Amino acid sequence: MAVSRWLIVIMTCVMSCVVVCWKRTAPYAQNDDDDDDEITSNVIGSDKQQQQQHCGCHMVGPSGPPGIPGVPGLHGSRGHDGQRGERGDHGPKGDPGLPGIPGPVGPAGIPGERGKRGNDGEKGVPGDAGEKGERGYTGFAGIKGSKGDPAAVGRRVAFSVARSTRLGPVFQDTPVTFDVVFANVGDGFQTYSSHFVCRLNGTYLFQAHVLGQEGKDVFAWVMMNDRHRAPIHGDGRAGYGSGSQTIILGLRQEDHVWIQLNKDSALLNDYTTFSGYLLFEDSP
């Protein structure tokens, strides 16, 4: 019974010390603004002494919860530069870099001396024929040849006629008659009809010229076998209107060529002419 009483007294003292210590250390544990680690340790040390003096049991209570971290300090100033170290050893040679951009072509060098002629090579295969060249200059005239045999003289046909008096105005299409004959080689021109009648097959050239009366138009045609071949016109607004025509015709025997004056036209005088001749005879 005596031992139980002593145990109860000891437990009561221990519990009293724990409560007192906890009450004294709680405010320091909650202060997170101004206290640092040194102040906290001093307070805890003094509390322990007070607890020992108060309770008289010389017992240490449990540690309180850790305090809240303090505000970080300001950044310090930069320190002085250290001394320059010694130069290190050369490193290994690196890989070659990429080729650079080619530079501009330099000026041409001085031509060297001409070398000796080399040996002739083997004859190659004939190449393709080239394009036809331009025509060359005319050569010198050759020596005149001997005179040849006389050529056979071809037959000749030619005529030229004119009108000496006025004609018209006519009331219908009318053949123009010619009463002046300048030439009639081969007798192809017939004076009574004023027609040229072909007697030799070949190619002929004909020319006609008309002169109208004052203030009157003149219209005419070169006719061949009743067919109109080439027109002739003289404008009377010019005073005395005139017109001319030239034509080449291929004729056969008995073909007729003549001049026809159109209705209401009028001719003046001998300025109206009609001519023709054989250019060449047809081959037999």
C-alpha atoms as a PDB file:
ATOM      1  CA  MET A   1       0.000   0.000   0.000  1.00  0.00           C
ATOM      2  CA  ALA A   2       2.850   2.414   0.827  1.00  0.00           C
ATOM      3  CA  VAL A   3       4.566   1.720  -2.565  1.00  0.00           C
ATOM      4  CA  SER A   4       1.364   2.451  -4.484  1.00  0.00           C
ATOM      5  CA  ARG A   5       1.005   5.780  -2.836  1.00  0.00           C
ATOM      6  CA  TRP A   6       4.556   6.785  -3.724  1.00  0.00           C
ATOM      7  CA  LEU A   7       3.973   5.843  -7.373  1.00  0.00           C
ATOM      8  CA  ILE A   8       0.833   7.946  -7.538  1.00  0.00           C
ATOM      9  CA  VAL A   9       2.722  10.961  -6.108  1.00  0.00           C
ATOM     10  CA  ILE A  10       5.607  10.549  -8.603  1.00  0.00           C
ATOM     11  CA  MET A  11       3.228  10.264 -11.605  1.00  0.00           C
ATOM     12  CA  THR A  12       1.346  13.352 -10.467  1.00  0.00           C
ATOM     13  CA  CYS A  13       4.608  15.395 -10.333  1.00  0.00           C
ATOM     14  CA  VAL A  14       5.665  14.175 -13.781  1.00  0.00           C
ATOM     15  CA  MET A  15       2.347  15.116 -15.328  1.00  0.00           C
ATOM     16  CA  SER A  16       2.503  18.565 -13.699  1.00  0.00           C
ATOM     17  CA  CYS A  17       5.976  19.192 -15.140  1.00  0.00           C
ATOM     18  CA  VAL A  18       4.894  18.096 -18.645  1.00  0.00           C
ATOM     19  CA  VAL A  19       1.909  20.463 -18.642  1.00  0.00           C
ATOM     20  CA  VAL A  20       4.002  23.377 -17.352  1.00  0.00           C
ATOM     21  CA  CYS A  21       6.720  22.759 -19.965  1.00  0.00           C
ATOM     22  CA  TRP A  22       4.203  22.486 -22.792  1.00  0.00           C
ATOM     23  CA  LYS A  23       2.503  25.776 -21.871  1.00  0.00           C
ATOM     24  CA  ARG A  24       5.837  27.569 -21.716  1.00  0.00           C
ATOM     25  CA  THR A  25       7.144  26.281 -25.073  1.00  0.00           C
ATOM     26  CA  ALA A  26       3.911  26.608 -27.107  1.00  0.00           C
ATOM     27  CA  PRO A  27       4.201  30.415 -27.775  1.00  0.00           C
ATOM     28  CA  TYR A  28       7.760  30.003 -29.083  1.00  0.00           C
ATOM     29  CA  ALA A  29       6.669  27.246 -31.406  1.00  0.00           C
ATOM     30  CA  GLN A  30       3.956  29.437 -32.985  1.00  0.00           C
ATOM     31  CA  ASN A  31       6.162  32.513 -33.557  1.00  0.00           C
ATOM     32  CA  ASP A  32       7.272  32.326 -37.324  1.00  0.00           C
ATOM     33  CA  ASP A  33       8.074  35.942 -38.063  1.00  0.00           C
ATOM     34  CA  ASP A  34      11.000  37.269 -35.929  1.00  0.00           C
ATOM     35  CA  ASP A  35      12.749  34.382 -34.099  1.00  0.00           C
ATOM     36  CA  ASP A  36      15.674  32.519 -35.591  1.00  0.00           C
ATOM     37  CA  ASP A  37      17.312  29.296 -34.564  1.00  0.00           C
ATOM     38  CA  GLU A  38      19.582  30.865 -31.889  1.00  0.00           C
ATOM     39  CA  ILE A  39      16.734  32.602 -29.993  1.00  0.00           C
ATOM     40  CA  THR A  40      14.646  29.408 -30.101  1.00  0.00           C
ATOM     41  CA  SER A  41      17.452  27.360 -28.605  1.00  0.00           C
ATOM     42  CA  ASN A  42      18.043  29.915 -25.808  1.00  0.00           C
ATOM     43  CA  VAL A  43      14.366  30.010 -24.932  1.00  0.00           C
ATOM     44  CA  ILE A  44      14.179  26.239 -24.862  1.00  0.00           C
ATOM     45  CA  GLY A  45      17.274  26.105 -22.627  1.00  0.00           C
ATOM     46  CA  SER A  46      15.929  28.663 -20.166  1.00  0.00           C
ATOM     47  CA  ASP A  47      12.559  26.860 -20.065  1.00  0.00           C
ATOM     48  CA  LYS A  48      14.277  23.656 -19.209  1.00  0.00           C
ATOM     49  CA  GLN A  49      16.058  25.344 -16.311  1.00  0.00           C
ATOM     50  CA  GLN A  50      12.817  26.916 -15.112  1.00  0.00           C
ATOM     51  CA  GLN A  51      11.052  23.586 -15.346  1.00  0.00           C
ATOM     52  CA  GLN A  52      13.775  21.960 -13.300  1.00  0.00           C
ATOM     53  CA  GLN A  53      13.679  24.736 -10.710  1.00  0.00           C
ATOM     54  CA  HIS A  54       9.893  24.759 -10.639  1.00  0.00           C
ATOM     55  CA  CYS A  55       9.178  21.125 -10.478  1.00  0.00           C
ATOM     56  CA  GLY A  56      12.319  20.219  -8.600  1.00  0.00           C
ATOM     57  CA  CYS A  57      12.403  16.819 -10.307  1.00  0.00           C
ATOM     58  CA  HIS A  58      15.290  17.553 -12.623  1.00  0.00           C
ATOM     59  CA  MET A  59      13.458  15.916 -15.588  1.00  0.00           C
ATOM     60  CA  VAL A  60      13.509  17.095 -19.258  1.00  0.00           C
ATOM     61  CA  GLY A  61      10.198  17.279 -21.123  1.00  0.00           C
ATOM     62  CA  PRO A  62       9.582  16.234 -24.777  1.00  0.00           C
ATOM     63  CA  SER A  63      10.787  18.482 -27.668  1.00  0.00           C
ATOM     64  CA  GLY A  64       8.251  20.832 -29.171  1.00  0.00           C
ATOM     65  CA  PRO A  65       7.291  20.952 -32.935  1.00  0.00           C
ATOM     66  CA  PRO A  66       9.830  22.611 -35.282  1.00  0.00           C
ATOM     67  CA  GLY A  67       9.365  26.297 -35.979  1.00  0.00           C
ATOM     68  CA  ILE A  68       8.407  27.860 -39.351  1.00  0.00           C
ATOM     69  CA  PRO A  69      11.439  28.690 -41.616  1.00  0.00           C
ATOM     70  CA  GLY A  70      12.591  32.276 -41.489  1.00  0.00           C
ATOM     71  CA  VAL A  71      12.637  34.811 -44.406  1.00  0.00           C
ATOM     72  CA  PRO A  72      15.602  34.203 -46.814  1.00  0.00           C
ATOM     73  CA  GLY A  73      18.379  36.760 -46.526  1.00  0.00           C
ATOM     74  CA  LEU A  74      19.395  39.304 -49.213  1.00  0.00           C
ATOM     75  CA  HIS A  75      21.589  38.296 -52.137  1.00  0.00           C
ATOM     76  CA  GLY A  76      25.212  39.011 -51.406  1.00  0.00           C
ATOM     77  CA  SER A  77      27.497  41.188 -53.590  1.00  0.00           C
ATOM     78  CA  ARG A  78      29.649  39.643 -56.323  1.00  0.00           C
ATOM     79  CA  GLY A  79      33.055  38.547 -55.246  1.00  0.00           C
ATOM     80  CA  HIS A  80      36.396  39.507 -56.846  1.00  0.00           C
ATOM     81  CA  ASP A  81      37.534  37.785 -60.034  1.00  0.00           C
ATOM     82  CA  GLY A  82      39.955  35.023 -59.473  1.00  0.00           C
ATOM     83  CA  GLN A  83      43.454  34.893 -60.992  1.00  0.00           C
ATOM     84  CA  ARG A  84      43.827  33.769 -64.607  1.00  0.00           C
ATOM     85  CA  GLY A  85      44.678  30.146 -64.857  1.00  0.00           C
ATOM     86  CA  GLU A  86      47.529  28.655 -66.841  1.00  0.00           C
ATOM     87  CA  ARG A  87      47.062  27.843 -70.545  1.00  0.00           C
ATOM     88  CA  GLY A  88      45.887  24.319 -71.149  1.00  0.00           C
ATOM     89  CA  ASP A  89      47.333  21.777 -73.543  1.00  0.00           C
ATOM     90  CA  HIS A  90      46.310  21.749 -77.231  1.00  0.00           C
ATOM     91  CA  GLY A  91      43.266  19.635 -77.914  1.00  0.00           C
ATOM     92  CA  PRO A  92      43.093  16.967 -80.658  1.00  0.00           C
ATOM     93  CA  LYS A  93      42.704  18.076 -84.294  1.00  0.00           C
ATOM     94  CA  GLY A  94      39.053  18.438 -85.312  1.00  0.00           C
ATOM     95  CA  ASP A  95      37.329  17.013 -88.403  1.00  0.00           C
ATOM     96  CA  PRO A  96      37.715  18.949 -91.721  1.00  0.00           C
ATOM     97  CA  GLY A  97      35.014  21.590 -92.332  1.00  0.00           C
ATOM     98  CA  LEU A  98      32.673  21.777 -95.341  1.00  0.00           C
ATOM     99  CA  PRO A  99      34.171  23.101 -98.614  1.00  0.00           C
ATOM    100  CA  GLY A 100      33.835  26.866 -99.045  1.00  0.00           C
ATOM    101  CA  ILE A 101      32.194  28.685-101.973  1.00  0.00           C
ATOM    102  CA  PRO A 102      34.539  28.757-105.024  1.00  0.00           C
ATOM    103  CA  GLY A 103      36.146  32.129-105.551  1.00  0.00           C
ATOM    104  CA  PRO A 104      36.053  34.123-108.814  1.00  0.00           C
ATOM    105  CA  VAL A 105      38.163  33.015-111.772  1.00  0.00           C
ATOM    106  CA  GLY A 106      41.542  34.655-111.700  1.00  0.00           C
ATOM    107  CA  PRO A 107      43.097  36.510-114.626  1.00  0.00           C
ATOM    108  CA  ALA A 108      44.558  34.512-117.489  1.00  0.00           C
ATOM    109  CA  GLY A 109      48.182  33.673-117.139  1.00  0.00           C
ATOM    110  CA  ILE A 110      50.912  34.489-119.599  1.00  0.00           C
ATOM    111  CA  PRO A 111      50.777  32.158-122.646  1.00  0.00           C
ATOM    112  CA  GLY A 112      53.454  29.530-122.528  1.00  0.00           C
ATOM    113  CA  GLU A 113      55.852  28.661-125.301  1.00  0.00           C
ATOM    114  CA  ARG A 114      54.518  26.689-128.222  1.00  0.00           C
ATOM    115  CA  GLY A 115      55.186  23.016-127.870  1.00  0.00           C
ATOM    116  CA  LYS A 116      56.587  20.671-130.466  1.00  0.00           C
ATOM    117  CA  ARG A 117      54.293  19.107-133.026  1.00  0.00           C
ATOM    118  CA  GLY A 118      53.009  15.745-131.951  1.00  0.00           C
ATOM    119  CA  ASN A 119      52.842  12.581-133.986  1.00  0.00           C
ATOM    120  CA  ASP A 120      50.063  12.202-136.531  1.00  0.00           C
ATOM    121  CA  GLY A 121      47.102  10.239-135.234  1.00  0.00           C
ATOM    122  CA  GLU A 122      45.304   7.438-137.001  1.00  0.00           C
ATOM    123  CA  LYS A 123      42.862   8.346-139.750  1.00  0.00           C
ATOM    124  CA  GLY A 124      39.320   8.602-138.394  1.00  0.00           C
ATOM    125  CA  VAL A 125      36.046   7.358-139.821  1.00  0.00           C
ATOM    126  CA  PRO A 126      34.537   9.710-142.472  1.00  0.00           C
ATOM    127  CA  GLY A 127      31.972  12.080-140.950  1.00  0.00           C
ATOM    128  CA  ASP A 128      28.466  12.893-142.150  1.00  0.00           C
ATOM    129  CA  ALA A 129      28.063  15.126-145.175  1.00  0.00           C
ATOM    130  CA  GLY A 130      27.781  18.817-144.274  1.00  0.00           C
ATOM    131  CA  GLU A 131      25.090  21.233-145.346  1.00  0.00           C
ATOM    132  CA  LYS A 132      25.225  22.733-148.803  1.00  0.00           C
ATOM    133  CA  GLY A 133      27.322  25.868-148.811  1.00  0.00           C
ATOM    134  CA  GLU A 134      26.450  29.223-150.292  1.00  0.00           C
ATOM    135  CA  ARG A 135      26.820  29.804-153.978  1.00  0.00           C
ATOM    136  CA  GLY A 136      30.322  30.843-154.957  1.00  0.00           C
ATOM    137  CA  TYR A 137      31.401  33.820-157.004  1.00  0.00           C
ATOM    138  CA  THR A 138      30.980  33.748-160.767  1.00  0.00           C
ATOM    139  CA  GLY A 139      34.089  32.467-162.498  1.00  0.00           C
ATOM    140  CA  PHE A 140      35.977  34.109-165.302  1.00  0.00           C
ATOM    141  CA  ALA A 141      34.523  34.027-168.786  1.00  0.00           C
ATOM    142  CA  GLY A 142      35.673  31.152-170.893  1.00  0.00           C
ATOM    143  CA  ILE A 143      37.198  31.255-174.325  1.00  0.00           C
ATOM    144  CA  LYS A 144      34.758  32.157-177.062  1.00  0.00           C
ATOM    145  CA  GLY A 145      33.624  29.142-178.981  1.00  0.00           C
ATOM    146  CA  SER A 146      33.416  28.692-182.682  1.00  0.00           C
ATOM    147  CA  LYS A 147      30.471  30.009-184.636  1.00  0.00           C
ATOM    148  CA  GLY A 148      27.574  27.622-184.886  1.00  0.00           C
ATOM    149  CA  ASP A 149      25.340  26.754-187.775  1.00  0.00           C
ATOM    150  CA  PRO A 150      22.685  29.306-188.768  1.00  0.00           C
ATOM    151  CA  ALA A 151      19.340  28.752-187.068  1.00  0.00           C
ATOM    152  CA  ALA A 152      16.226  28.175-189.024  1.00  0.00           C
ATOM    153  CA  VAL A 153      14.295  31.423-189.470  1.00  0.00           C
ATOM    154  CA  GLY A 154      10.814  31.162-188.008  1.00  0.00           C
ATOM    155  CA  ARG A 155       7.782  32.650-189.582  1.00  0.00           C
ATOM    156  CA  ARG A 156       6.937  36.160-188.529  1.00  0.00           C
ATOM    157  CA  VAL A 157       3.528  37.657-187.747  1.00  0.00           C
ATOM    158  CA  ALA A 158       2.913  41.302-186.739  1.00  0.00           C
ATOM    159  CA  PHE A 159       0.418  44.089-187.427  1.00  0.00           C
ATOM    160  CA  SER A 160      -0.377  47.669-186.318  1.00  0.00           C
ATOM    161  CA  VAL A 161      -3.436  49.711-187.371  1.00  0.00           C
ATOM    162  CA  ALA A 162      -5.294  52.926-186.426  1.00  0.00           C
ATOM    163  CA  ARG A 163      -8.605  54.735-186.972  1.00  0.00           C
ATOM    164  CA  SER A 164      -8.613  58.155-188.634  1.00  0.00           C
ATOM    165  CA  THR A 165     -12.251  59.269-188.124  1.00  0.00           C
ATOM    166  CA  ARG A 166     -14.781  59.584-185.318  1.00  0.00           C
ATOM    167  CA  LEU A 167     -17.101  56.755-184.339  1.00  0.00           C
ATOM    168  CA  GLY A 168     -20.301  57.065-182.287  1.00  0.00           C
ATOM    169  CA  PRO A 169     -21.926  57.450-179.968  1.00  0.00           C
ATOM    170  CA  VAL A 170     -23.082  54.012-181.123  1.00  0.00           C
ATOM    171  CA  PHE A 171     -26.562  52.653-180.397  1.00  0.00           C
ATOM    172  CA  GLN A 172     -25.416  49.031-179.909  1.00  0.00           C
ATOM    173  CA  ASP A 173     -22.243  47.033-179.384  1.00  0.00           C
ATOM    174  CA  THR A 174     -20.201  47.657-182.534  1.00  0.00           C
ATOM    175  CA  PRO A 175     -16.894  46.306-183.907  1.00  0.00           C
ATOM    176  CA  VAL A 176     -14.271  49.047-184.266  1.00  0.00           C
ATOM    177  CA  THR A 177     -12.924  49.329-187.809  1.00  0.00           C
ATOM    178  CA  PHE A 178      -9.438  50.568-188.638  1.00  0.00           C
ATOM    179  CA  ASP A 179      -8.611  52.217-191.947  1.00  0.00           C
ATOM    180  CA  VAL A 180      -4.920  53.035-191.400  1.00  0.00           C
ATOM    181  CA  VAL A 181      -2.516  50.086-191.611  1.00  0.00           C
ATOM    182  CA  PHE A 182       1.029  50.656-190.359  1.00  0.00           C
ATOM    183  CA  ALA A 183       2.216  47.050-190.702  1.00  0.00           C
ATOM    184  CA  ASN A 184       0.716  43.664-191.567  1.00  0.00           C
ATOM    185  CA  VAL A 185       3.506  41.073-191.607  1.00  0.00           C
ATOM    186  CA  GLY A 186       2.106  37.654-192.449  1.00  0.00           C
ATOM    187  CA  ASP A 187      -1.223  39.153-193.645  1.00  0.00           C
ATOM    188  CA  GLY A 188      -2.989  38.181-190.436  1.00  0.00           C
ATOM    189  CA  PHE A 189      -4.998  41.421-190.169  1.00  0.00           C
ATOM    190  CA  GLN A 190      -8.104  41.622-192.438  1.00  0.00           C
ATOM    191  CA  THR A 191      -8.829  45.222-193.452  1.00  0.00           C
ATOM    192  CA  TYR A 192     -12.446  44.646-194.493  1.00  0.00           C
ATOM    193  CA  SER A 193     -13.494  43.171-191.108  1.00  0.00           C
ATOM    194  CA  SER A 194     -10.750  44.720-188.897  1.00  0.00           C
ATOM    195  CA  HIS A 195     -10.223  41.271-187.344  1.00  0.00           C
ATOM    196  CA  PHE A 196      -6.894  39.549-186.805  1.00  0.00           C
ATOM    197  CA  VAL A 197      -7.198  35.985-188.039  1.00  0.00           C
ATOM    198  CA  CYS A 198      -4.654  33.456-186.760  1.00  0.00           C
ATOM    199  CA  ARG A 199      -2.912  31.444-189.482  1.00  0.00           C
ATOM    200  CA  LEU A 200      -0.077  30.057-187.332  1.00  0.00           C
ATOM    201  CA  ASN A 201      -0.538  28.325-183.987  1.00  0.00           C
ATOM    202  CA  GLY A 202       1.355  30.124-181.248  1.00  0.00           C
ATOM    203  CA  THR A 203       1.358  32.711-178.469  1.00  0.00           C
ATOM    204  CA  TYR A 204       0.529  36.310-179.399  1.00  0.00           C
ATOM    205  CA  LEU A 205       0.636  39.685-177.662  1.00  0.00           C
ATOM    206  CA  PHE A 206      -2.057  42.306-178.392  1.00  0.00           C
ATOM    207  CA  GLN A 207      -2.250  46.000-177.446  1.00  0.00           C
ATOM    208  CA  ALA A 208      -5.223  48.373-177.813  1.00  0.00           C
ATOM    209  CA  HIS A 209      -5.654  52.102-177.077  1.00  0.00           C
ATOM    210  CA  VAL A 210      -8.887  54.135-177.310  1.00  0.00           C
ATOM    211  CA  LEU A 211      -9.603  57.893-177.057  1.00  0.00           C
ATOM    212  CA  GLY A 212     -13.139  59.085-176.314  1.00  0.00           C
ATOM    213  CA  GLN A 213     -14.889  62.166-177.573  1.00  0.00           C
ATOM    214  CA  GLU A 214     -14.986  65.254-175.357  1.00  0.00           C
ATOM    215  CA  GLY A 215     -17.115  64.751-172.262  1.00  0.00           C
ATOM    216  CA  LYS A 216     -18.177  61.239-173.294  1.00  0.00           C
ATOM    217  CA  ASP A 217     -17.188  57.943-171.696  1.00  0.00           C
ATOM    218  CA  VAL A 218     -15.734  55.177-173.833  1.00  0.00           C
ATOM    219  CA  PHE A 219     -16.071  51.464-173.019  1.00  0.00           C
ATOM    220  CA  ALA A 220     -14.510  48.758-175.221  1.00  0.00           C
ATOM    221  CA  TRP A 221     -13.388  45.117-175.068  1.00  0.00           C
ATOM    222  CA  VAL A 222     -10.610  42.994-176.579  1.00  0.00           C
ATOM    223  CA  MET A 223     -12.636  40.138-178.103  1.00  0.00           C
ATOM    224  CA  MET A 224     -11.621  36.589-179.060  1.00  0.00           C
ATOM    225  CA  ASN A 225     -14.114  34.523-181.043  1.00  0.00           C
ATOM    226  CA  ASP A 226     -17.114  36.455-179.669  1.00  0.00           C
ATOM    227  CA  ARG A 227     -15.802  36.139-176.093  1.00  0.00           C
ATOM    228  CA  HIS A 228     -14.861  39.148-173.952  1.00  0.00           C
ATOM    229  CA  ARG A 229     -11.192  38.899-172.911  1.00  0.00           C
ATOM    230  CA  ALA A 230      -9.982  42.282-171.539  1.00  0.00           C
ATOM    231  CA  PRO A 231     -11.901  45.560-170.887  1.00  0.00           C
ATOM    232  CA  ILE A 232     -10.852  49.068-171.932  1.00  0.00           C
ATOM    233  CA  HIS A 233     -12.302  52.224-170.316  1.00  0.00           C
ATOM    234  CA  GLY A 234     -11.848  55.979-170.765  1.00  0.00           C
ATOM    235  CA  ASP A 235     -13.550  58.399-168.295  1.00  0.00           C
ATOM    236  CA  GLY A 236     -15.241  61.366-170.065  1.00  0.00           C
ATOM    237  CA  ARG A 237     -15.073  63.513-166.904  1.00  0.00           C
ATOM    238  CA  ALA A 238     -11.399  64.095-167.712  1.00  0.00           C
ATOM    239  CA  GLY A 239     -12.381  65.869-170.952  1.00  0.00           C
ATOM    240  CA  TYR A 240     -11.104  63.332-173.449  1.00  0.00           C
ATOM    241  CA  GLY A 241     -11.156  59.976-171.702  1.00  0.00           C
ATOM    242  CA  SER A 242      -8.609  57.404-172.813  1.00  0.00           C
ATOM    243  CA  GLY A 243      -7.801  53.793-171.941  1.00  0.00           C
ATOM    244  CA  SER A 244      -5.257  51.126-172.854  1.00  0.00           C
ATOM    245  CA  GLN A 245      -4.986  47.350-172.551  1.00  0.00           C
ATOM    246  CA  THR A 246      -2.319  44.674-173.165  1.00  0.00           C
ATOM    247  CA  ILE A 247      -3.031  40.933-173.258  1.00  0.00           C
ATOM    248  CA  ILE A 248      -1.213  37.716-174.268  1.00  0.00           C
ATOM    249  CA  LEU A 249      -3.318  34.988-175.898  1.00  0.00           C
ATOM    250  CA  GLY A 250      -2.605  31.495-177.129  1.00  0.00           C
ATOM    251  CA  LEU A 251      -4.233  31.111-180.556  1.00  0.00           C
ATOM    252  CA  ARG A 252      -4.982  28.328-182.940  1.00  0.00           C
ATOM    253  CA  GLN A 253      -5.645  28.624-186.643  1.00  0.00           C
ATOM    254  CA  GLU A 254      -8.830  30.534-187.524  1.00  0.00           C
ATOM    255  CA  ASP A 255      -9.112  32.201-184.112  1.00  0.00           C
ATOM    256  CA  HIS A 256     -10.298  35.848-184.435  1.00  0.00           C
ATOM    257  CA  VAL A 257      -9.167  38.784-182.243  1.00  0.00           C
ATOM    258  CA  TRP A 258     -10.801  42.225-182.565  1.00  0.00           C
ATOM    259  CA  ILE A 259     -11.996  45.369-180.668  1.00  0.00           C
ATOM    260  CA  GLN A 260     -15.660  45.951-179.761  1.00  0.00           C
ATOM    261  CA  LEU A 261     -17.108  49.340-178.751  1.00  0.00           C
ATOM    262  CA  ASN A 262     -19.912  49.202-176.168  1.00  0.00           C
ATOM    263  CA  LYS A 263     -23.301  50.848-176.596  1.00  0.00           C
ATOM    264  CA  ASP A 264     -23.430  54.671-176.056  1.00  0.00           C
ATOM    265  CA  SER A 265     -19.616  54.965-176.321  1.00  0.00           C
ATOM    266  CA  ALA A 266     -17.818  57.242-178.809  1.00  0.00           C
ATOM    267  CA  LEU A 267     -14.287  57.362-180.320  1.00  0.00           C
ATOM    268  CA  LEU A 268     -12.454  60.472-181.442  1.00  0.00           C
ATOM    269  CA  ASN A 269      -9.856  59.878-184.182  1.00  0.00           C
ATOM    270  CA  ASP A 270      -6.475  58.318-184.971  1.00  0.00           C
ATOM    271  CA  TYR A 271      -5.463  58.116-181.295  1.00  0.00           C
ATOM    272  CA  THR A 272      -7.348  54.797-181.283  1.00  0.00           C
ATOM    273  CA  THR A 273      -4.923  51.998-182.293  1.00  0.00           C
ATOM    274  CA  PHE A 274      -4.745  48.190-182.378  1.00  0.00           C
ATOM    275  CA  SER A 275      -1.511  46.124-182.620  1.00  0.00           C
ATOM    276  CA  GLY A 276      -0.316  42.535-182.182  1.00  0.00           C
ATOM    277  CA  TYR A 277       2.530  40.142-182.987  1.00  0.00           C
ATOM    278  CA  LEU A 278       3.634  36.541-182.593  1.00  0.00           C
ATOM    279  CA  LEU A 279       5.821  35.884-179.537  1.00  0.00           C
ATOM    280  CA  PHE A 280       6.688  32.277-180.439  1.00  0.00           C
ATOM    281  CA  GLU A 281       5.304  29.519-182.591  1.00  0.00           C
ATOM    282  CA  ASP A 282       3.969  26.319-181.063  1.00  0.00           C
ATOM    283  CA  SER A 283       6.112  23.203-181.461  1.00  0.00           C
ATOM    284  CA  PRO A 284       4.945  20.931-184.267  1.00  0.00           C
END
